[in-house]
């Protein structure tokens, strides 16, 4: 499990990106790059990290399920994810 501080920091970044999204789009359309540099650093969407919804792990993240590979495997083996079955051939 990731530290709670990392998870909360990422949530704060997501909120900042959402707050400045409209202004960023407007400044980009105008080509005002000086204005873009005046915005907070965390207003950039590239600063947000994809994290697992259960554990907060950032590596091995599966976008389709919003889970890390480890959490996905545990839930899939328990049959908790609909439509996912263990493969065999």
N, C-alpha and C. Protein backbone atom coordinates (compact mmCIF):
# COMPACT_ATOMS: atom_id res chain seq x y z
N UNK A 1 0.84 -1.18 0.00
CA UNK A 1 0.00 0.00 0.00
C UNK A 1 0.88 1.24 0.00
N UNK A 2 0.56 2.18 -0.87
CA UNK A 2 1.31 3.43 -0.93
C UNK A 2 1.00 4.27 0.31
N UNK A 3 1.93 5.17 0.63
CA UNK A 3 1.70 6.06 1.77
C UNK A 3 0.49 6.94 1.49
N UNK A 4 -0.26 7.21 2.53
CA UNK A 4 -1.45 8.05 2.40
C UNK A 4 -1.09 9.43 1.89
N UNK A 5 0.09 9.93 2.26
CA UNK A 5 0.49 11.27 1.84
C UNK A 5 0.67 11.35 0.33
N UNK A 6 1.19 10.27 -0.29
CA UNK A 6 1.37 10.26 -1.74
C UNK A 6 0.01 10.24 -2.45
N UNK A 7 -0.92 9.46 -1.90
CA UNK A 7 -2.25 9.37 -2.50
C UNK A 7 -2.96 10.71 -2.39
N UNK A 8 -2.89 11.34 -1.23
CA UNK A 8 -3.53 12.64 -1.03
C UNK A 8 -2.88 13.72 -1.87
N UNK A 9 -1.57 13.67 -2.03
CA UNK A 9 -0.87 14.64 -2.87
C UNK A 9 -1.33 14.53 -4.32
N UNK A 10 -1.54 13.30 -4.78
CA UNK A 10 -2.01 13.10 -6.15
C UNK A 10 -3.44 13.61 -6.32
N UNK A 11 -4.28 13.42 -5.30
CA UNK A 11 -5.65 13.94 -5.36
C UNK A 11 -5.65 15.46 -5.43
N UNK A 12 -4.74 16.08 -4.69
CA UNK A 12 -4.62 17.53 -4.70
C UNK A 12 -4.19 18.03 -6.08
N UNK A 13 -3.27 17.28 -6.71
CA UNK A 13 -2.84 17.64 -8.07
C UNK A 13 -4.00 17.52 -9.05
N UNK A 14 -4.82 16.47 -8.92
CA UNK A 14 -5.97 16.30 -9.80
C UNK A 14 -6.94 17.46 -9.65
N UNK A 15 -7.15 17.91 -8.43
CA UNK A 15 -8.05 19.04 -8.20
C UNK A 15 -7.49 20.32 -8.83
N UNK A 16 -6.19 20.53 -8.73
CA UNK A 16 -5.56 21.71 -9.31
C UNK A 16 -5.65 21.68 -10.83
N UNK A 17 -5.44 20.52 -11.42
CA UNK A 17 -5.55 20.38 -12.88
C UNK A 17 -6.96 20.70 -13.32
N UNK A 18 -7.95 20.20 -12.59
CA UNK A 18 -9.35 20.46 -12.95
C UNK A 18 -9.68 21.95 -12.82
N UNK A 19 -9.14 22.59 -11.80
CA UNK A 19 -9.42 24.00 -11.56
C UNK A 19 -8.87 24.89 -12.69
N UNK A 20 -7.69 24.56 -13.18
CA UNK A 20 -7.03 25.40 -14.18
C UNK A 20 -7.20 24.90 -15.62
N UNK A 21 -7.96 23.85 -15.84
CA UNK A 21 -8.08 23.24 -17.18
C UNK A 21 -8.59 24.23 -18.21
N UNK A 22 -9.64 24.95 -17.88
CA UNK A 22 -10.24 25.89 -18.83
C UNK A 22 -9.28 27.03 -19.15
N UNK A 23 -8.63 27.57 -18.13
CA UNK A 23 -7.68 28.66 -18.33
C UNK A 23 -6.49 28.21 -19.15
N UNK A 24 -5.99 27.00 -18.87
CA UNK A 24 -4.85 26.46 -19.64
C UNK A 24 -5.22 26.32 -21.12
N UNK A 25 -6.42 25.79 -21.39
CA UNK A 25 -6.86 25.61 -22.77
C UNK A 25 -6.94 26.96 -23.48
N UNK A 26 -7.45 27.97 -22.78
CA UNK A 26 -7.57 29.31 -23.38
C UNK A 26 -6.19 29.90 -23.68
N UNK A 27 -5.27 29.79 -22.73
CA UNK A 27 -3.92 30.32 -22.94
C UNK A 27 -3.19 29.58 -24.05
N UNK A 28 -3.38 28.29 -24.14
CA UNK A 28 -2.75 27.52 -25.21
C UNK A 28 -3.29 27.91 -26.57
N UNK A 29 -4.60 28.12 -26.64
CA UNK A 29 -5.22 28.51 -27.91
C UNK A 29 -4.71 29.87 -28.38
N UNK A 30 -4.47 30.77 -27.43
CA UNK A 30 -3.95 32.10 -27.77
C UNK A 30 -2.46 32.08 -28.04
N UNK A 31 -1.79 31.02 -27.62
CA UNK A 31 -0.34 30.95 -27.80
C UNK A 31 0.40 31.76 -26.75
N UNK A 32 -0.23 32.03 -25.63
CA UNK A 32 0.37 32.83 -24.56
C UNK A 32 1.16 31.91 -23.64
N UNK A 33 2.40 31.62 -24.01
CA UNK A 33 3.22 30.69 -23.24
C UNK A 33 3.79 31.33 -21.99
N UNK A 34 3.90 32.65 -21.99
CA UNK A 34 4.33 33.34 -20.77
C UNK A 34 3.24 33.21 -19.71
N UNK A 35 2.00 33.35 -20.13
CA UNK A 35 0.88 33.17 -19.21
C UNK A 35 0.81 31.75 -18.67
N UNK A 36 1.14 30.78 -19.49
CA UNK A 36 1.15 29.39 -19.04
C UNK A 36 2.21 29.16 -17.97
N UNK A 37 3.35 29.83 -18.11
CA UNK A 37 4.41 29.65 -17.11
C UNK A 37 4.05 30.30 -15.78
N UNK A 38 3.11 31.23 -15.80
CA UNK A 38 2.68 31.88 -14.57
C UNK A 38 1.72 31.02 -13.75
N UNK A 39 1.15 30.00 -14.37
CA UNK A 39 0.25 29.10 -13.65
C UNK A 39 1.04 28.22 -12.68
N UNK A 40 0.37 27.67 -11.67
CA UNK A 40 1.07 26.77 -10.76
C UNK A 40 1.60 25.54 -11.49
N UNK A 41 2.67 25.00 -10.99
CA UNK A 41 3.29 23.84 -11.62
C UNK A 41 2.35 22.64 -11.65
N UNK A 42 1.59 22.47 -10.59
CA UNK A 42 0.69 21.32 -10.51
C UNK A 42 -0.57 21.49 -11.34
N UNK A 43 -0.69 22.59 -12.08
CA UNK A 43 -1.83 22.77 -12.97
C UNK A 43 -1.65 22.01 -14.27
N UNK A 44 -0.45 21.49 -14.50
CA UNK A 44 -0.18 20.73 -15.71
C UNK A 44 -0.66 19.29 -15.54
N UNK A 45 -1.42 18.77 -16.52
CA UNK A 45 -1.94 17.40 -16.39
C UNK A 45 -0.86 16.33 -16.36
N UNK A 46 0.33 16.63 -16.84
CA UNK A 46 1.39 15.62 -16.84
C UNK A 46 1.93 15.36 -15.44
N UNK A 47 1.60 16.20 -14.48
CA UNK A 47 2.07 16.03 -13.11
C UNK A 47 1.23 14.99 -12.35
N UNK A 48 0.05 14.67 -12.87
CA UNK A 48 -0.82 13.69 -12.22
C UNK A 48 -0.34 12.29 -12.58
N UNK A 49 -0.31 11.42 -11.57
CA UNK A 49 0.18 10.06 -11.75
C UNK A 49 -1.00 9.10 -11.69
N UNK A 50 -1.03 8.11 -12.57
CA UNK A 50 -2.05 7.07 -12.49
C UNK A 50 -1.74 6.18 -11.30
N UNK A 51 -2.71 6.03 -10.41
CA UNK A 51 -2.52 5.20 -9.22
C UNK A 51 -3.66 4.20 -9.08
N UNK A 52 -3.35 3.06 -8.49
CA UNK A 52 -4.33 2.01 -8.24
C UNK A 52 -5.42 2.54 -7.32
N UNK A 53 -6.67 2.20 -7.63
CA UNK A 53 -7.78 2.65 -6.83
C UNK A 53 -7.83 2.02 -5.45
N UNK A 54 -7.26 0.83 -5.29
CA UNK A 54 -7.27 0.15 -4.00
C UNK A 54 -6.03 0.42 -3.17
N UNK A 55 -4.87 0.25 -3.78
CA UNK A 55 -3.63 0.30 -3.01
C UNK A 55 -2.85 1.60 -3.18
N UNK A 56 -3.10 2.33 -4.24
CA UNK A 56 -2.34 3.56 -4.48
C UNK A 56 -1.03 3.32 -5.21
N UNK A 57 -0.78 2.08 -5.61
CA UNK A 57 0.46 1.75 -6.31
C UNK A 57 0.48 2.42 -7.67
N UNK A 58 1.63 2.96 -8.08
CA UNK A 58 1.71 3.67 -9.35
C UNK A 58 2.32 2.83 -10.46
N UNK A 59 3.04 1.79 -10.13
CA UNK A 59 3.65 0.97 -11.16
C UNK A 59 2.75 -0.22 -11.47
N UNK A 60 2.76 -0.64 -12.73
CA UNK A 60 1.93 -1.78 -13.12
C UNK A 60 0.46 -1.43 -13.12
N UNK A 61 0.13 -0.21 -13.52
CA UNK A 61 -1.25 0.28 -13.49
C UNK A 61 -1.98 -0.13 -14.76
N UNK A 62 -3.21 -0.66 -14.61
CA UNK A 62 -4.04 -1.04 -15.75
C UNK A 62 -5.17 -0.02 -15.86
N UNK A 63 -5.15 0.81 -16.90
CA UNK A 63 -6.13 1.88 -17.05
C UNK A 63 -7.56 1.38 -17.14
N UNK A 64 -7.75 0.30 -17.84
CA UNK A 64 -9.10 -0.21 -18.07
C UNK A 64 -9.83 -0.53 -16.77
N UNK A 65 -9.07 -0.96 -15.77
CA UNK A 65 -9.67 -1.39 -14.51
C UNK A 65 -9.36 -0.45 -13.34
N UNK A 66 -8.51 0.54 -13.55
CA UNK A 66 -8.10 1.48 -12.50
C UNK A 66 -7.47 0.74 -11.32
N UNK A 67 -6.71 -0.31 -11.63
CA UNK A 67 -6.07 -1.13 -10.61
C UNK A 67 -4.63 -1.42 -11.00
N UNK A 68 -3.81 -1.76 -10.00
CA UNK A 68 -2.47 -2.23 -10.30
C UNK A 68 -2.57 -3.70 -10.70
N UNK A 69 -1.51 -4.21 -11.25
CA UNK A 69 -1.51 -5.60 -11.73
C UNK A 69 -1.73 -6.57 -10.58
N UNK A 70 -1.21 -6.25 -9.42
CA UNK A 70 -1.32 -7.14 -8.27
C UNK A 70 -2.75 -7.18 -7.75
N UNK A 71 -3.34 -6.00 -7.57
CA UNK A 71 -4.73 -5.93 -7.09
C UNK A 71 -5.67 -6.55 -8.12
N UNK A 72 -5.38 -6.32 -9.41
CA UNK A 72 -6.21 -6.90 -10.47
C UNK A 72 -6.18 -8.42 -10.39
N UNK A 73 -5.01 -8.98 -10.22
CA UNK A 73 -4.88 -10.45 -10.18
C UNK A 73 -5.62 -11.04 -8.99
N UNK A 74 -5.49 -10.39 -7.83
CA UNK A 74 -6.18 -10.89 -6.64
C UNK A 74 -7.70 -10.85 -6.82
N UNK A 75 -8.21 -9.74 -7.34
CA UNK A 75 -9.66 -9.63 -7.53
C UNK A 75 -10.16 -10.56 -8.63
N UNK A 76 -9.36 -10.73 -9.68
CA UNK A 76 -9.77 -11.62 -10.78
C UNK A 76 -9.81 -13.07 -10.30
N UNK A 77 -8.86 -13.47 -9.50
CA UNK A 77 -8.84 -14.85 -8.99
C UNK A 77 -10.01 -15.11 -8.05
N UNK A 78 -10.47 -14.08 -7.36
CA UNK A 78 -11.62 -14.22 -6.47
C UNK A 78 -12.94 -14.13 -7.22
N UNK A 79 -12.87 -13.76 -8.53
CA UNK A 79 -14.07 -13.64 -9.34
C UNK A 79 -14.83 -12.34 -9.08
N UNK A 80 -14.14 -11.32 -8.61
CA UNK A 80 -14.78 -10.06 -8.25
C UNK A 80 -14.88 -9.08 -9.43
N UNK A 81 -14.17 -9.38 -10.53
CA UNK A 81 -14.21 -8.50 -11.70
C UNK A 81 -15.04 -9.19 -12.77
N UNK A 82 -16.19 -8.62 -13.16
CA UNK A 82 -17.06 -9.28 -14.12
C UNK A 82 -16.40 -9.35 -15.51
N UNK A 83 -16.56 -10.49 -16.14
CA UNK A 83 -16.05 -10.67 -17.50
C UNK A 83 -14.62 -11.12 -17.57
N UNK A 84 -13.94 -11.23 -16.45
CA UNK A 84 -12.53 -11.63 -16.44
C UNK A 84 -12.45 -13.05 -15.89
N UNK A 85 -11.84 -13.93 -16.68
CA UNK A 85 -11.67 -15.31 -16.24
C UNK A 85 -10.21 -15.68 -16.39
N UNK A 86 -9.79 -16.65 -15.62
CA UNK A 86 -8.42 -17.13 -15.70
C UNK A 86 -8.25 -17.89 -17.00
N UNK A 87 -7.19 -17.57 -17.71
CA UNK A 87 -6.99 -18.22 -19.02
C UNK A 87 -6.35 -19.59 -18.83
N UNK A 88 -6.70 -20.50 -19.73
CA UNK A 88 -6.06 -21.81 -19.74
C UNK A 88 -6.09 -22.32 -21.18
N UNK A 89 -5.02 -22.97 -21.58
CA UNK A 89 -4.93 -23.51 -22.93
C UNK A 89 -4.10 -24.75 -22.95
